[in-house]
Protein backbone atom coordinates (compact mmCIF):
# COMPACT_ATOMS: atom_id res chain seq x y z
CA UNK A 1 -1.18 -84.55 6.80
CA UNK A 2 -3.60 -81.78 5.84
CA UNK A 3 -1.77 -79.34 8.13
CA UNK A 4 1.59 -80.24 6.58
CA UNK A 5 0.18 -79.82 3.06
CA UNK A 6 -1.29 -76.41 3.95
CA UNK A 7 2.02 -75.29 5.42
CA UNK A 8 3.87 -76.42 2.30
CA UNK A 9 1.50 -74.46 0.06
CA UNK A 10 1.89 -71.38 2.26
CA UNK A 11 5.66 -71.58 1.97
CA UNK A 12 5.35 -71.72 -1.79
CA UNK A 13 3.21 -68.58 -1.79
CA UNK A 14 5.66 -66.56 0.29
CA UNK A 15 8.77 -68.05 -1.25
CA UNK A 16 11.22 -65.67 -2.97
CA UNK A 17 11.07 -68.10 -5.92
CA UNK A 18 8.51 -65.62 -7.27
CA UNK A 19 11.32 -63.06 -7.32
CA UNK A 20 13.08 -64.45 -10.36
CA UNK A 21 13.77 -63.66 -13.98
CA UNK A 22 11.36 -64.65 -16.72
CA UNK A 23 11.94 -67.81 -18.76
CA UNK A 24 14.38 -67.05 -21.62
CA UNK A 25 13.17 -67.09 -25.22
CA UNK A 26 14.43 -69.56 -27.84
CA UNK A 27 17.54 -67.44 -28.32
CA UNK A 28 18.38 -67.73 -24.62
CA UNK A 29 17.54 -64.07 -23.86
CA UNK A 30 15.53 -62.64 -20.97
CA UNK A 31 15.37 -59.24 -19.33
CA UNK A 32 17.81 -58.88 -16.47
CA UNK A 33 18.02 -55.71 -14.41
CA UNK A 34 18.22 -52.00 -13.89
CA UNK A 35 21.31 -50.66 -12.11
CA UNK A 36 21.01 -47.63 -9.86
CA UNK A 37 23.62 -45.28 -8.42
CA UNK A 38 22.34 -44.32 -4.97
CA UNK A 39 23.47 -42.01 -2.19
CA UNK A 40 21.96 -44.13 0.60
CA UNK A 41 22.03 -47.84 -0.24
CA UNK A 42 20.46 -48.89 3.08
CA UNK A 43 17.45 -46.64 2.44
CA UNK A 44 17.05 -48.04 -1.06
CA UNK A 45 17.26 -51.62 0.19
CA UNK A 46 14.59 -50.93 2.79
CA UNK A 47 12.24 -49.29 0.27
CA UNK A 48 12.63 -52.05 -2.33
CA UNK A 49 11.97 -54.71 0.31
CA UNK A 50 9.16 -53.04 2.29
CA UNK A 51 7.20 -51.50 -0.58
CA UNK A 52 8.01 -53.72 -3.57
CA UNK A 53 8.45 -57.08 -1.85
CA UNK A 54 12.05 -57.45 -2.96
CA UNK A 55 14.65 -59.91 -1.66
CA UNK A 56 18.17 -58.56 -1.09
CA UNK A 57 21.11 -60.65 -2.31
CA UNK A 58 24.74 -59.65 -1.71
CA UNK A 59 27.62 -61.34 -3.52
CA UNK A 60 31.07 -59.88 -3.06
CA UNK A 61 30.80 -56.14 -3.74
CA UNK A 62 27.46 -56.48 -5.57
CA UNK A 63 24.07 -55.75 -3.99
CA UNK A 64 20.91 -56.67 -5.87
CA UNK A 65 17.23 -56.78 -5.01
CA UNK A 66 15.31 -59.67 -6.57
CA UNK A 67 11.81 -58.94 -7.86
CA UNK A 68 9.49 -60.87 -10.16
CA UNK A 69 10.76 -60.48 -13.77
CA UNK A 70 13.80 -58.36 -12.87
CA UNK A 71 16.57 -57.40 -10.50
CA UNK A 72 17.48 -53.96 -9.18
CA UNK A 73 21.24 -53.62 -8.67
CA UNK A 74 22.51 -50.91 -6.31
CA UNK A 75 25.86 -49.11 -6.22
CA UNK A 76 26.57 -46.62 -3.39
CA UNK A 77 27.64 -43.68 -5.54
CA UNK A 78 26.46 -40.06 -5.83
CA UNK A 79 24.54 -39.91 -9.15
CA UNK A 80 25.26 -37.13 -11.62
CA UNK A 81 21.57 -36.57 -12.41
CA UNK A 82 18.09 -38.08 -12.09
CA UNK A 83 16.59 -40.56 -14.51
CA UNK A 84 14.31 -38.07 -16.30
CA UNK A 85 17.24 -36.07 -17.60
CA UNK A 86 18.49 -39.09 -19.52
CA UNK A 87 17.25 -41.26 -22.37
CA UNK A 88 16.17 -43.89 -19.81
CA UNK A 89 13.28 -41.86 -18.41
CA UNK A 90 11.80 -44.38 -15.97
CA UNK A 91 10.94 -48.00 -15.37
CA UNK A 92 7.69 -49.48 -14.19
CA UNK A 93 5.83 -52.23 -12.37
CA UNK A 94 2.41 -53.80 -12.34
CA UNK A 95 0.73 -53.86 -8.94
CA UNK A 96 -2.35 -55.83 -7.94
CA UNK A 97 -3.87 -53.13 -5.71
CA UNK A 98 -2.66 -49.62 -6.46
CA UNK A 99 -4.64 -47.94 -3.65
CA UNK A 100 -3.04 -50.27 -1.11
CA UNK A 101 0.41 -49.53 -2.56
CA UNK A 102 -0.21 -45.76 -2.53
CA UNK A 103 -1.49 -45.76 1.03
CA UNK A 104 1.68 -47.45 2.24
CA UNK A 105 3.92 -45.27 0.01
CA UNK A 106 2.57 -42.11 1.66
CA UNK A 107 4.25 -43.21 4.89
CA UNK A 108 7.68 -42.83 3.25
CA UNK A 109 7.35 -39.05 2.91
CA UNK A 110 8.66 -39.37 -0.65
CA UNK A 111 6.97 -37.73 -3.62
CA UNK A 112 4.12 -39.39 -5.47
CA UNK A 113 2.18 -38.04 -8.46
CA UNK A 114 -1.56 -38.03 -9.07
CA UNK A 115 -3.24 -41.14 -10.44
CA UNK A 116 -4.05 -41.15 -14.15
CA UNK A 117 -5.36 -43.52 -16.79
CA UNK A 118 -2.40 -45.11 -18.52
CA UNK A 119 -1.92 -46.19 -22.13
CA UNK A 120 -3.58 -49.55 -21.41
CA UNK A 121 -6.66 -48.08 -19.74
CA UNK A 122 -5.55 -48.93 -16.20
CA UNK A 123 -4.94 -46.75 -13.16
CA UNK A 124 -1.32 -45.56 -13.05
CA UNK A 125 0.78 -43.42 -10.72
CA UNK A 126 4.41 -42.28 -10.57
CA UNK A 127 6.44 -42.61 -7.38
CA UNK A 128 9.80 -40.96 -6.95
CA UNK A 129 12.50 -43.03 -5.33
CA UNK A 130 15.47 -41.27 -3.68
CA UNK A 131 18.05 -39.84 -6.13
CA UNK A 132 15.27 -38.82 -8.57
CA UNK A 133 14.56 -42.31 -9.86
CA UNK A 134 11.09 -42.26 -11.42
CA UNK A 135 9.05 -45.43 -11.14
CA UNK A 136 5.64 -45.94 -12.77
CA UNK A 137 3.07 -48.20 -11.15
CA UNK A 138 0.17 -49.70 -13.13
CA UNK A 139 -2.73 -51.55 -11.55
CA UNK A 140 -3.51 -55.07 -12.74
CA UNK A 141 -6.04 -56.74 -10.46
CA UNK A 142 -5.47 -60.09 -12.19
CA UNK A 143 -1.77 -60.18 -11.28
CA UNK A 144 -0.72 -63.48 -9.68
CA UNK A 145 1.74 -61.69 -7.36
CA UNK A 146 1.47 -58.38 -5.53
CA UNK A 147 4.03 -56.56 -7.71
CA UNK A 148 5.94 -57.51 -10.85
CA UNK A 149 8.44 -55.73 -13.08
CA UNK A 150 6.74 -54.57 -16.28
CA UNK A 151 8.44 -51.98 -18.50
CA UNK A 152 11.33 -49.61 -19.13
CA UNK A 153 10.61 -46.37 -20.97
CA UNK A 154 13.04 -44.57 -23.27
CA UNK A 155 12.49 -40.94 -24.35
CA UNK A 156 14.61 -39.41 -27.11
CA UNK A 157 14.38 -37.74 -30.52
CA UNK A 158 14.50 -40.48 -33.13
CA UNK A 159 12.81 -42.99 -30.83
CA UNK A 160 11.48 -45.07 -33.73
CA UNK A 161 15.03 -45.64 -35.01
CA UNK A 162 16.11 -46.61 -31.49
CA UNK A 163 13.28 -49.14 -31.28
CA UNK A 164 14.39 -50.63 -34.61
CA UNK A 165 17.94 -50.95 -33.24
CA UNK A 166 16.78 -52.88 -30.16
CA UNK A 167 14.54 -55.07 -32.30
CA UNK A 168 17.45 -55.96 -34.57
CA UNK A 169 20.16 -56.40 -31.93
CA UNK A 170 18.08 -58.52 -29.55
CA UNK A 171 15.80 -60.23 -32.09
CA UNK A 172 12.58 -58.76 -30.69
CA UNK A 173 9.21 -58.25 -32.36
CA UNK A 174 7.71 -54.74 -32.47
CA UNK A 175 4.19 -54.71 -31.03
CA UNK A 176 2.03 -52.05 -29.33
CA UNK A 177 1.37 -51.68 -25.61
CA UNK A 178 -2.08 -50.14 -25.39
CA UNK A 179 -1.96 -46.76 -27.14
CA UNK A 180 1.84 -46.87 -27.44
CA UNK A 181 2.70 -48.28 -30.86
CA UNK A 182 6.48 -48.07 -30.51
CA UNK A 183 7.23 -50.90 -28.09
CA UNK A 184 8.74 -54.36 -28.06
CA UNK A 185 8.88 -57.19 -25.53
CA UNK A 186 11.81 -59.09 -24.12
CA UNK A 187 10.82 -61.99 -21.85
CA UNK A 188 9.67 -60.41 -18.59
CA UNK A 189 9.83 -56.80 -19.73
CA UNK A 190 8.23 -54.40 -22.18
CA UNK A 191 10.55 -51.83 -23.78
CA UNK A 192 8.61 -48.66 -24.65
CA UNK A 193 10.01 -45.84 -26.79
CA UNK A 194 8.70 -42.28 -26.77
CA UNK A 195 9.76 -39.09 -28.49
CA UNK A 196 11.34 -36.02 -26.92
CA UNK A 197 11.46 -32.43 -28.15
CA UNK A 198 14.87 -31.96 -26.55
CA UNK A 199 17.91 -34.25 -26.65
CA UNK A 200 18.31 -36.47 -23.59
CA UNK A 201 21.63 -37.26 -21.92
CA UNK A 202 23.47 -40.62 -21.82
CA UNK A 203 22.76 -42.73 -18.75
CA UNK A 204 26.30 -43.42 -17.47
CA UNK A 205 26.74 -41.94 -14.00
CA UNK A 206 23.07 -41.03 -13.56
CA UNK A 207 20.80 -42.48 -10.93
CA UNK A 208 19.61 -45.04 -13.52
CA UNK A 209 23.06 -45.92 -14.80
CA UNK A 210 22.18 -48.82 -17.08
CA UNK A 211 19.77 -51.61 -17.95
CA UNK A 212 20.64 -55.25 -18.50
CA UNK A 213 19.76 -58.39 -20.41
CA UNK A 214 20.53 -61.94 -19.27
CA UNK A 215 21.81 -64.55 -21.78
CA UNK A 216 22.13 -68.31 -21.52
CA UNK A 217 25.38 -68.16 -23.54
CA UNK A 218 26.79 -64.67 -23.27
CA UNK A 219 30.09 -65.40 -25.00
CA UNK A 220 28.31 -66.69 -28.12
CA UNK A 221 25.98 -63.69 -28.12
CA UNK A 222 28.93 -61.31 -27.89
CA UNK A 223 30.49 -63.03 -30.88
CA UNK A 224 27.24 -62.44 -32.79
CA UNK A 225 27.27 -58.76 -31.84
CA UNK A 226 30.90 -58.39 -32.93
CA UNK A 227 30.00 -59.93 -36.28
CA UNK A 228 27.32 -57.22 -36.64
CA UNK A 229 29.92 -54.53 -36.02
CA UNK A 230 28.80 -53.65 -32.49
CA UNK A 231 31.58 -52.06 -30.43
CA UNK A 232 31.88 -53.02 -26.78
CA UNK A 233 32.20 -50.52 -23.97
CA UNK A 234 33.46 -53.44 -21.86
CA UNK A 235 34.32 -56.70 -23.68
CA UNK A 236 33.19 -60.13 -22.51
CA UNK A 237 34.74 -61.17 -19.22
CA UNK A 238 34.06 -63.41 -16.25
CA UNK A 239 33.96 -62.07 -12.67
CA UNK A 240 34.06 -65.01 -10.21
CA UNK A 241 33.65 -62.75 -7.16
CA UNK A 242 30.04 -62.01 -8.14
CA UNK A 243 29.33 -65.19 -10.11
CA UNK A 244 28.70 -63.37 -13.39
CA UNK A 245 29.94 -63.18 -16.94
CA UNK A 246 29.43 -59.66 -18.27
CA UNK A 247 29.89 -57.33 -21.22
CA UNK A 248 28.72 -53.76 -21.88
CA UNK A 249 27.51 -51.99 -25.01
CA UNK A 250 25.97 -48.55 -25.49
CA UNK A 251 22.90 -48.01 -27.64
CA UNK A 252 22.82 -45.26 -30.33
CA UNK A 253 21.06 -42.84 -27.94
CA UNK A 254 23.53 -43.29 -25.07
CA UNK A 255 21.83 -45.88 -22.85
CA UNK A 256 24.41 -48.16 -21.27
CA UNK A 257 23.47 -51.86 -21.54
CA UNK A 258 24.98 -54.63 -19.46
CA UNK A 259 24.84 -58.14 -20.87
CA UNK A 260 25.09 -60.85 -18.23
CA UNK A 261 25.16 -64.58 -17.70
CA UNK A 262 24.56 -65.81 -14.17
CA UNK A 263 21.93 -63.48 -12.72
CA UNK A 264 19.35 -66.24 -13.13
CA UNK A 265 21.25 -68.13 -10.39
CA UNK A 266 20.87 -65.32 -7.83
């Protein structure tokens, strides 16, 4: 019996159940995904699995990698530019042991920056995925899993106004993240907003094409947005082939946002 119990506990620890979205808030909202345009989808899948502990799911034409607190969706398409040329500068993860992560990352032959002390006083480092996708890693030795999605970082002139827009549209509370005062939290993900001396480009077509939020009742949320005067890039629709309901809007700085219902079932 003891052996069976130990085996059961082991299965729980290695189970991809850890690779799931955060619990939605009272409004039925949680953070969903980032969507990348990539030149070599097989390389990206391998990197997200081997170095980030992701689990690949394929439904119809859609490929996603499940990670704790978020999904990374992949489209095989030549990107028009890297993430740091756009408003959506980078996204980031917490990692339990950053030296262990860095040691393994060096085997990829891909670029990695120097370590530095981040805004929360922890050891951070940037790694560069193929197609110039910048990813920030932050050590958190108390993390219950090896790696977990943590933040997305916008950079644009007028970043405070953009933060206010996200806070209003998604009903989020503005609160600091370490030394960064201009941030807010959706379940599972911090949204950080920084200034830029130069205008940044919209995200559509870039390596980091868009970000996404998951809703329990997307149709009702879209009706709320319409009542606020929000225009849709793609109106509410259901796509049975991938098991999702979707809609798209674009924020005032040009970041494309996908709204989904169904990713929590992946």
